[in-house]
PDB file of N, CA and C in Angstrom:
ATOM      1  N   MET A   1      12.749 -44.003  33.671  1.00  0.00           N
ATOM      2  CA  MET A   1      13.079 -42.601  33.819  1.00  0.00           C
ATOM      3  C   MET A   1      13.379 -41.973  32.460  1.00  0.00           C
ATOM      4  N   ILE A   2      14.102 -42.657  31.609  1.00  0.00           N
ATOM      5  CA  ILE A   2      14.454 -42.108  30.300  1.00  0.00           C
ATOM      6  C   ILE A   2      13.200 -41.881  29.461  1.00  0.00           C
ATOM      7  N   PHE A   3      12.250 -42.823  29.537  1.00  0.00           N
ATOM      8  CA  PHE A   3      11.015 -42.676  28.773  1.00  0.00           C
ATOM      9  C   PHE A   3      10.231 -41.460  29.256  1.00  0.00           C
ATOM     10  N   LEU A   4      10.186 -41.259  30.585  1.00  0.00           N
ATOM     11  CA  LEU A   4       9.497 -40.099  31.133  1.00  0.00           C
ATOM     12  C   LEU A   4      10.154 -38.810  30.671  1.00  0.00           C
ATOM     13  N   ASP A   5      11.481 -38.769  30.677  1.00  0.00           N
ATOM     14  CA  ASP A   5      12.196 -37.587  30.185  1.00  0.00           C
ATOM     15  C   ASP A   5      11.852 -37.314  28.731  1.00  0.00           C
ATOM     16  N   PHE A   6      11.789 -38.370  27.933  1.00  0.00           N
ATOM     17  CA  PHE A   6      11.444 -38.212  26.520  1.00  0.00           C
ATOM     18  C   PHE A   6      10.046 -37.623  26.373  1.00  0.00           C
ATOM     19  N   LEU A   7       9.098 -38.128  27.154  1.00  0.00           N
ATOM     20  CA  LEU A   7       7.731 -37.611  27.072  1.00  0.00           C
ATOM     21  C   LEU A   7       7.658 -36.147  27.498  1.00  0.00           C
ATOM     22  N   LEU A   8       8.355 -35.799  28.574  1.00  0.00           N
ATOM     23  CA  LEU A   8       8.374 -34.400  29.013  1.00  0.00           C
ATOM     24  C   LEU A   8       9.036 -33.507  27.974  1.00  0.00           C
ATOM     25  N   GLU A   9      10.111 -34.004  27.382  1.00  0.00           N
ATOM     26  CA  GLU A   9      10.805 -33.220  26.352  1.00  0.00           C
ATOM     27  C   GLU A   9       9.877 -32.954  25.176  1.00  0.00           C
ATOM     28  N   GLU A  10       9.201 -33.980  24.710  1.00  0.00           N
ATOM     29  CA  GLU A  10       8.301 -33.814  23.570  1.00  0.00           C
ATOM     30  C   GLU A  10       7.130 -32.893  23.916  1.00  0.00           C
ATOM     31  N   GLU A  11       6.605 -33.038  25.132  1.00  0.00           N
ATOM     32  CA  GLU A  11       5.507 -32.167  25.554  1.00  0.00           C
ATOM     33  C   GLU A  11       5.974 -30.715  25.616  1.00  0.00           C
ATOM     34  N   MET A  12       7.146 -30.507  26.171  1.00  0.00           N
ATOM     35  CA  MET A  12       7.670 -29.149  26.287  1.00  0.00           C
ATOM     36  C   MET A  12       7.937 -28.544  24.919  1.00  0.00           C
ATOM     37  N   ILE A  13       8.470 -29.314  24.008  1.00  0.00           N
ATOM     38  CA  ILE A  13       8.700 -28.832  22.640  1.00  0.00           C
ATOM     39  C   ILE A  13       7.380 -28.457  21.985  1.00  0.00           C
ATOM     40  N   ASP A  14       6.380 -29.307  22.146  1.00  0.00           N
ATOM     41  CA  ASP A  14       5.058 -29.008  21.562  1.00  0.00           C
ATOM     42  C   ASP A  14       4.480 -27.716  22.136  1.00  0.00           C
ATOM     43  N   ILE A  15       4.570 -27.562  23.458  1.00  0.00           N
ATOM     44  CA  ILE A  15       4.008 -26.378  24.110  1.00  0.00           C
ATOM     45  C   ILE A  15       4.746 -25.117  23.680  1.00  0.00           C
ATOM     46  N   LEU A  16       6.071 -25.146  23.739  1.00  0.00           N
ATOM     47  CA  LEU A  16       6.846 -23.959  23.372  1.00  0.00           C
ATOM     48  C   LEU A  16       6.667 -23.614  21.898  1.00  0.00           C
ATOM     49  N   THR A  17       6.641 -24.604  21.050  1.00  0.00           N
ATOM     50  CA  THR A  17       6.418 -24.366  19.619  1.00  0.00           C
ATOM     51  C   THR A  17       5.070 -23.695  19.409  1.00  0.00           C
ATOM     52  N   TYR A  18       4.054 -24.213  20.071  1.00  0.00           N
ATOM     53  CA  TYR A  18       2.721 -23.622  19.951  1.00  0.00           C
ATOM     54  C   TYR A  18       2.726 -22.172  20.421  1.00  0.00           C
ATOM     55  N   CYS A  19       3.310 -21.934  21.591  1.00  0.00           N
ATOM     56  CA  CYS A  19       3.331 -20.576  22.152  1.00  0.00           C
ATOM     57  C   CYS A  19       4.107 -19.606  21.266  1.00  0.00           C
ATOM     58  N   LEU A  20       5.196 -20.066  20.698  1.00  0.00           N
ATOM     59  CA  LEU A  20       5.995 -19.203  19.827  1.00  0.00           C
ATOM     60  C   LEU A  20       5.292 -18.915  18.501  1.00  0.00           C
ATOM     61  N   GLN A  21       4.536 -19.880  18.017  1.00  0.00           N
ATOM     62  CA  GLN A  21       3.864 -19.701  16.733  1.00  0.00           C
ATOM     63  C   GLN A  21       2.482 -19.059  16.865  1.00  0.00           C
ATOM     64  N   ASN A  22       1.923 -19.080  18.068  1.00  0.00           N
ATOM     65  CA  ASN A  22       0.572 -18.544  18.296  1.00  0.00           C
ATOM     66  C   ASN A  22       0.549 -17.668  19.544  1.00  0.00           C
ATOM     67  N   PRO A  23       1.358 -16.629  19.588  1.00  0.00           N
ATOM     68  CA  PRO A  23       1.493 -15.844  20.822  1.00  0.00           C
ATOM     69  C   PRO A  23       0.208 -15.150  21.281  1.00  0.00           C
ATOM     70  N   ASP A  24      -0.740 -14.946  20.390  1.00  0.00           N
ATOM     71  CA  ASP A  24      -1.978 -14.251  20.743  1.00  0.00           C
ATOM     72  C   ASP A  24      -3.137 -15.200  21.036  1.00  0.00           C
ATOM     73  N   SER A  25      -2.859 -16.494  21.055  1.00  0.00           N
ATOM     74  CA  SER A  25      -3.907 -17.480  21.298  1.00  0.00           C
ATOM     75  C   SER A  25      -4.419 -17.393  22.739  1.00  0.00           C
ATOM     76  N   ASP A  26      -5.697 -17.699  22.910  1.00  0.00           N
ATOM     77  CA  ASP A  26      -6.326 -17.647  24.232  1.00  0.00           C
ATOM     78  C   ASP A  26      -5.775 -18.695  25.194  1.00  0.00           C
ATOM     79  N   ASP A  27      -5.227 -19.781  24.674  1.00  0.00           N
ATOM     80  CA  ASP A  27      -4.775 -20.850  25.569  1.00  0.00           C
ATOM     81  C   ASP A  27      -3.276 -20.807  25.881  1.00  0.00           C
ATOM     82  N   VAL A  28      -2.596 -19.733  25.501  1.00  0.00           N
ATOM     83  CA  VAL A  28      -1.166 -19.608  25.809  1.00  0.00           C
ATOM     84  C   VAL A  28      -0.936 -19.587  27.318  1.00  0.00           C
ATOM     85  N   ASP A  29      -1.818 -18.928  28.078  1.00  0.00           N
ATOM     86  CA  ASP A  29      -1.638 -18.871  29.533  1.00  0.00           C
ATOM     87  C   ASP A  29      -1.695 -20.255  30.167  1.00  0.00           C
ATOM     88  N   SER A  30      -2.610 -21.096  29.719  1.00  0.00           N
ATOM     89  CA  SER A  30      -2.699 -22.445  30.284  1.00  0.00           C
ATOM     90  C   SER A  30      -1.479 -23.277  29.884  1.00  0.00           C
ATOM     91  N   LYS A  31      -0.969 -23.045  28.706  1.00  0.00           N
ATOM     92  CA  LYS A  31       0.232 -23.755  28.270  1.00  0.00           C
ATOM     93  C   LYS A  31       1.454 -23.302  29.072  1.00  0.00           C
ATOM     94  N   LYS A  32       1.521 -22.022  29.387  1.00  0.00           N
ATOM     95  CA  LYS A  32       2.607 -21.520  30.230  1.00  0.00           C
ATOM     96  C   LYS A  32       2.531 -22.138  31.625  1.00  0.00           C
ATOM     97  N   GLN A  33       1.328 -22.340  32.122  1.00  0.00           N
ATOM     98  CA  GLN A  33       1.168 -22.980  33.432  1.00  0.00           C
ATOM     99  C   GLN A  33       1.721 -24.401  33.399  1.00  0.00           C
ATOM    100  N   ARG A  34       1.469 -25.103  32.321  1.00  0.00           N
ATOM    101  CA  ARG A  34       2.006 -26.467  32.198  1.00  0.00           C
ATOM    102  C   ARG A  34       3.528 -26.430  32.115  1.00  0.00           C
ATOM    103  N   LEU A  35       4.092 -25.430  31.442  1.00  0.00           N
ATOM    104  CA  LEU A  35       5.550 -25.301  31.403  1.00  0.00           C
ATOM    105  C   LEU A  35       6.117 -25.118  32.806  1.00  0.00           C
ATOM    106  N   LYS A  36       5.422 -24.354  33.639  1.00  0.00           N
ATOM    107  CA  LYS A  36       5.852 -24.179  35.028  1.00  0.00           C
ATOM    108  C   LYS A  36       5.847 -25.513  35.764  1.00  0.00           C
ATOM    109  N   GLU A  37       4.811 -26.301  35.537  1.00  0.00           N
ATOM    110  CA  GLU A  37       4.717 -27.614  36.180  1.00  0.00           C
ATOM    111  C   GLU A  37       5.851 -28.529  35.734  1.00  0.00           C
ATOM    112  N   ILE A  38       6.179 -28.486  34.461  1.00  0.00           N
ATOM    113  CA  ILE A  38       7.288 -29.295  33.948  1.00  0.00           C
ATOM    114  C   ILE A  38       8.586 -28.889  34.636  1.00  0.00           C
ATOM    115  N   GLY A  39       8.806 -27.583  34.791  1.00  0.00           N
ATOM    116  CA  GLY A  39      10.004 -27.109  35.483  1.00  0.00           C
ATOM    117  C   GLY A  39      10.087 -27.650  36.899  1.00  0.00           C
ATOM    118  N   LYS A  40       8.958 -27.652  37.612  1.00  0.00           N
ATOM    119  CA  LYS A  40       8.922 -28.179  38.975  1.00  0.00           C
ATOM    120  C   LYS A  40       9.228 -29.673  38.989  1.00  0.00           C
ATOM    121  N   GLU A  41       8.659 -30.403  38.039  1.00  0.00           N
ATOM    122  CA  GLU A  41       8.916 -31.842  37.942  1.00  0.00           C
ATOM    123  C   GLU A  41      10.405 -32.101  37.708  1.00  0.00           C
ATOM    124  N   LEU A  42      10.993 -31.338  36.807  1.00  0.00           N
ATOM    125  CA  LEU A  42      12.415 -31.506  36.514  1.00  0.00           C
ATOM    126  C   LEU A  42      13.268 -31.203  37.735  1.00  0.00           C
ATOM    127  N   PHE A  43      12.950 -30.110  38.424  1.00  0.00           N
ATOM    128  CA  PHE A  43      13.723 -29.746  39.612  1.00  0.00           C
ATOM    129  C   PHE A  43      13.601 -30.820  40.685  1.00  0.00           C
ATOM    130  N   ASN A  44      12.395 -31.301  40.912  1.00  0.00           N
ATOM    131  CA  ASN A  44      12.190 -32.333  41.925  1.00  0.00           C
ATOM    132  C   ASN A  44      12.917 -33.620  41.584  1.00  0.00           C
ATOM    133  N   ASP A  45      13.064 -33.888  40.297  1.00  0.00           N
ATOM    134  CA  ASP A  45      13.708 -35.123  39.847  1.00  0.00           C
ATOM    135  C   ASP A  45      15.228 -35.020  39.800  1.00  0.00           C
ATOM    136  N   GLY A  46      15.764 -33.838  39.415  1.00  0.00           N
ATOM    137  CA  GLY A  46      17.207 -33.766  39.213  1.00  0.00           C
ATOM    138  C   GLY A  46      17.854 -32.441  39.557  1.00  0.00           C
ATOM    139  N   GLY A  47      17.105 -31.539  40.173  1.00  0.00           N
ATOM    140  CA  GLY A  47      17.678 -30.261  40.575  1.00  0.00           C
ATOM    141  C   GLY A  47      17.851 -29.297  39.416  1.00  0.00           C
ATOM    142  N   VAL A  48      18.588 -28.239  39.699  1.00  0.00           N
ATOM    143  CA  VAL A  48      18.773 -27.181  38.704  1.00  0.00           C
ATOM    144  C   VAL A  48      19.565 -27.683  37.497  1.00  0.00           C
ATOM    145  N   ASP A  49      20.446 -28.645  37.690  1.00  0.00           N
ATOM    146  CA  ASP A  49      21.190 -29.210  36.551  1.00  0.00           C
ATOM    147  C   ASP A  49      20.241 -29.852  35.543  1.00  0.00           C
ATOM    148  N   ALA A  50      19.242 -30.547  36.037  1.00  0.00           N
ATOM    149  CA  ALA A  50      18.261 -31.168  35.139  1.00  0.00           C
ATOM    150  C   ALA A  50      17.489 -30.100  34.375  1.00  0.00           C
ATOM    151  N   MET A  51      17.146 -29.018  35.063  1.00  0.00           N
ATOM    152  CA  MET A  51      16.430 -27.925  34.403  1.00  0.00           C
ATOM    153  C   MET A  51      17.285 -27.310  33.300  1.00  0.00           C
ATOM    154  N   GLU A  52      18.542 -27.015  33.615  1.00  0.00           N
ATOM    155  CA  GLU A  52      19.467 -26.418  32.635  1.00  0.00           C
ATOM    156  C   GLU A  52      19.648 -27.326  31.428  1.00  0.00           C
ATOM    157  N   ASN A  53      19.940 -28.592  31.688  1.00  0.00           N
ATOM    158  CA  ASN A  53      20.176 -29.543  30.596  1.00  0.00           C
ATOM    159  C   ASN A  53      18.942 -29.709  29.724  1.00  0.00           C
ATOM    160  N   PHE A  54      17.803 -29.817  30.358  1.00  0.00           N
ATOM    161  CA  PHE A  54      16.557 -30.025  29.644  1.00  0.00           C
ATOM    162  C   PHE A  54      16.238 -28.831  28.758  1.00  0.00           C
ATOM    163  N   PHE A  55      16.332 -27.631  29.333  1.00  0.00           N
ATOM    164  CA  PHE A  55      16.007 -26.447  28.546  1.00  0.00           C
ATOM    165  C   PHE A  55      16.970 -26.285  27.376  1.00  0.00           C
ATOM    166  N   PHE A  56      18.241 -26.584  27.600  1.00  0.00           N
ATOM    167  CA  PHE A  56      19.244 -26.487  26.543  1.00  0.00           C
ATOM    168  C   PHE A  56      18.883 -27.382  25.357  1.00  0.00           C
ATOM    169  N   VAL A  57      18.512 -28.620  25.638  1.00  0.00           N
ATOM    170  CA  VAL A  57      18.163 -29.567  24.570  1.00  0.00           C
ATOM    171  C   VAL A  57      16.911 -29.096  23.830  1.00  0.00           C
ATOM    172  N   VAL A  58      15.908 -28.700  24.594  1.00  0.00           N
ATOM    173  CA  VAL A  58      14.654 -28.248  23.990  1.00  0.00           C
ATOM    174  C   VAL A  58      14.884 -26.987  23.157  1.00  0.00           C
ATOM    175  N   GLU A  59      15.651 -26.066  23.709  1.00  0.00           N
ATOM    176  CA  GLU A  59      15.958 -24.819  22.996  1.00  0.00           C
ATOM    177  C   GLU A  59      16.612 -25.099  21.649  1.00  0.00           C
ATOM    178  N   ASN A  60      17.595 -25.965  21.632  1.00  0.00           N
ATOM    179  CA  ASN A  60      18.291 -26.281  20.387  1.00  0.00           C
ATOM    180  C   ASN A  60      17.375 -26.938  19.370  1.00  0.00           C
ATOM    181  N   ARG A  61      16.508 -27.808  19.826  1.00  0.00           N
ATOM    182  CA  ARG A  61      15.578 -28.460  18.887  1.00  0.00           C
ATOM    183  C   ARG A  61      14.604 -27.450  18.297  1.00  0.00           C
ATOM    184  N   ILE A  62      14.074 -26.576  19.136  1.00  0.00           N
ATOM    185  CA  ILE A  62      13.093 -25.603  18.641  1.00  0.00           C
ATOM    186  C   ILE A  62      13.749 -24.634  17.664  1.00  0.00           C
ATOM    187  N   ILE A  63      14.923 -24.151  18.005  1.00  0.00           N
ATOM    188  CA  ILE A  63      15.630 -23.246  17.092  1.00  0.00           C
ATOM    189  C   ILE A  63      15.897 -23.950  15.764  1.00  0.00           C
ATOM    190  N   GLY A  64      16.278 -25.205  15.823  1.00  0.00           N
ATOM    191  CA  GLY A  64      16.540 -25.972  14.607  1.00  0.00           C
ATOM    192  C   GLY A  64      15.298 -26.259  13.791  1.00  0.00           C
ATOM    193  N   GLU A  65      14.173 -26.475  14.460  1.00  0.00           N
ATOM    194  CA  GLU A  65      12.950 -26.865  13.762  1.00  0.00           C
ATOM    195  C   GLU A  65      12.132 -25.678  13.267  1.00  0.00           C
ATOM    196  N   ILE A  66      11.988 -24.625  14.070  1.00  0.00           N
ATOM    197  CA  ILE A  66      11.117 -23.517  13.652  1.00  0.00           C
ATOM    198  C   ILE A  66      11.841 -22.171  13.623  1.00  0.00           C
ATOM    199  N   GLU A  67      13.131 -22.193  13.933  1.00  0.00           N
ATOM    200  CA  GLU A  67      13.965 -20.987  13.884  1.00  0.00           C
ATOM    201  C   GLU A  67      13.422 -19.857  14.754  1.00  0.00           C
ATOM    202  N   LYS A  68      12.875 -20.225  15.914  1.00  0.00           N
ATOM    203  CA  LYS A  68      12.437 -19.242  16.911  1.00  0.00           C
ATOM    204  C   LYS A  68      13.105 -19.602  18.225  1.00  0.00           C
ATOM    205  N   ASP A  69      13.422 -18.580  19.017  1.00  0.00           N
ATOM    206  CA  ASP A  69      14.163 -18.782  20.255  1.00  0.00           C
ATOM    207  C   ASP A  69      13.213 -18.827  21.461  1.00  0.00           C
ATOM    208  N   PRO A  70      13.199 -19.933  22.198  1.00  0.00           N
ATOM    209  CA  PRO A  70      12.320 -20.050  23.363  1.00  0.00           C
ATOM    210  C   PRO A  70      12.900 -19.462  24.652  1.00  0.00           C
ATOM    211  N   LYS A  71      14.073 -18.827  24.592  1.00  0.00           N
ATOM    212  CA  LYS A  71      14.703 -18.304  25.814  1.00  0.00           C
ATOM    213  C   LYS A  71      13.793 -17.407  26.647  1.00  0.00           C
ATOM    214  N   PRO A  72      12.921 -16.579  26.043  1.00  0.00           N
ATOM    215  CA  PRO A  72      12.063 -15.737  26.881  1.00  0.00           C
ATOM    216  C   PRO A  72      11.160 -16.537  27.839  1.00  0.00           C
ATOM    217  N   PHE A  73      10.964 -17.805  27.564  1.00  0.00           N
ATOM    218  CA  PHE A  73      10.111 -18.631  28.419  1.00  0.00           C
ATOM    219  C   PHE A  73      10.858 -19.193  29.632  1.00  0.00           C
ATOM    220  N   ARG A  74      12.178 -19.039  29.673  1.00  0.00           N
ATOM    221  CA  ARG A  74      12.952 -19.542  30.819  1.00  0.00           C
ATOM    222  C   ARG A  74      12.496 -18.907  32.120  1.00  0.00           C
ATOM    223  N   ASN A  75      12.039 -17.660  32.054  1.00  0.00           N
ATOM    224  CA  ASN A  75      11.642 -16.982  33.290  1.00  0.00           C
ATOM    225  C   ASN A  75      10.410 -17.608  33.938  1.00  0.00           C
ATOM    226  N   LEU A  76       9.693 -18.460  33.228  1.00  0.00           N
ATOM    227  CA  LEU A  76       8.550 -19.148  33.827  1.00  0.00           C
ATOM    228  C   LEU A  76       8.978 -20.063  34.965  1.00  0.00           C
ATOM    229  N   TRP A  77      10.247 -20.466  34.954  1.00  0.00           N
ATOM    230  CA  TRP A  77      10.750 -21.353  36.003  1.00  0.00           C
ATOM    231  C   TRP A  77      11.383 -20.587  37.155  1.00  0.00           C
ATOM    232  N   ASN A  78      11.409 -19.254  37.058  1.00  0.00           N
ATOM    233  CA  ASN A  78      11.901 -18.451  38.188  1.00  0.00           C
ATOM    234  C   ASN A  78      11.014 -18.741  39.403  1.00  0.00           C
ATOM    235  N   GLY A  79      11.636 -18.835  40.555  1.00  0.00           N
ATOM    236  CA  GLY A  79      10.895 -19.109  41.774  1.00  0.00           C
ATOM    237  C   GLY A  79      10.868 -20.567  42.172  1.00  0.00           C
ATOM    238  N   ILE A  80      11.197 -21.455  41.246  1.00  0.00           N
ATOM    239  CA  ILE A  80      11.270 -22.878  41.591  1.00  0.00           C
ATOM    240  C   ILE A  80      12.452 -23.113  42.525  1.00  0.00           C
ATOM    241  N   THR A  81      13.570 -22.444  42.210  1.00  0.00           N
ATOM    242  CA  THR A  81      14.760 -22.500  43.032  1.00  0.00           C
ATOM    243  C   THR A  81      15.491 -21.159  42.887  1.00  0.00           C
ATOM    244  N   ASN A  82      16.214 -20.780  43.898  1.00  0.00           N
ATOM    245  CA  ASN A  82      16.975 -19.532  43.836  1.00  0.00           C
ATOM    246  C   ASN A  82      18.092 -19.604  42.811  1.00  0.00           C
ATOM    247  N   GLU A  83      18.481 -20.801  42.430  1.00  0.00           N
ATOM    248  CA  GLU A  83      19.560 -20.980  41.459  1.00  0.00           C
ATOM    249  C   GLU A  83      19.116 -20.686  40.028  1.00  0.00           C
ATOM    250  N   TRP A  84      17.819 -20.679  39.782  1.00  0.00           N
ATOM    251  CA  TRP A  84      17.280 -20.417  38.437  1.00  0.00           C
ATOM    252  C   TRP A  84      16.707 -19.008  38.448  1.00  0.00           C
ATOM    253  N   ASN A  85      17.386 -18.104  37.766  1.00  0.00           N
ATOM    254  CA  ASN A  85      16.942 -16.713  37.801  1.00  0.00           C
ATOM    255  C   ASN A  85      17.166 -16.068  36.436  1.00  0.00           C
ATOM    256  N   TYR A  86      16.141 -16.069  35.633  1.00  0.00           N
ATOM    257  CA  TYR A  86      16.247 -15.468  34.296  1.00  0.00           C
ATOM    258  C   TYR A  86      15.211 -14.378  34.127  1.00  0.00           C
TER     259      TYR A  86
END
């Protein structure tokens, strides 16, 4: 389970970093779709707490690495659960 979390974390960081650095790219929509899938996987595995914890860790790493804030992407997970509403 820990290894899977690590892989999802790294994938999410890569996707968000790409989207933040290339907002006009043609493949941003497909990357956003994958972010939605990751949110669903996290919710199914650990509920809204897993989603919150995961996004917090990813957010801090991205801000530290590229100094851009991924918070606007949190709304991609809206609709997965009523508890997640950004």
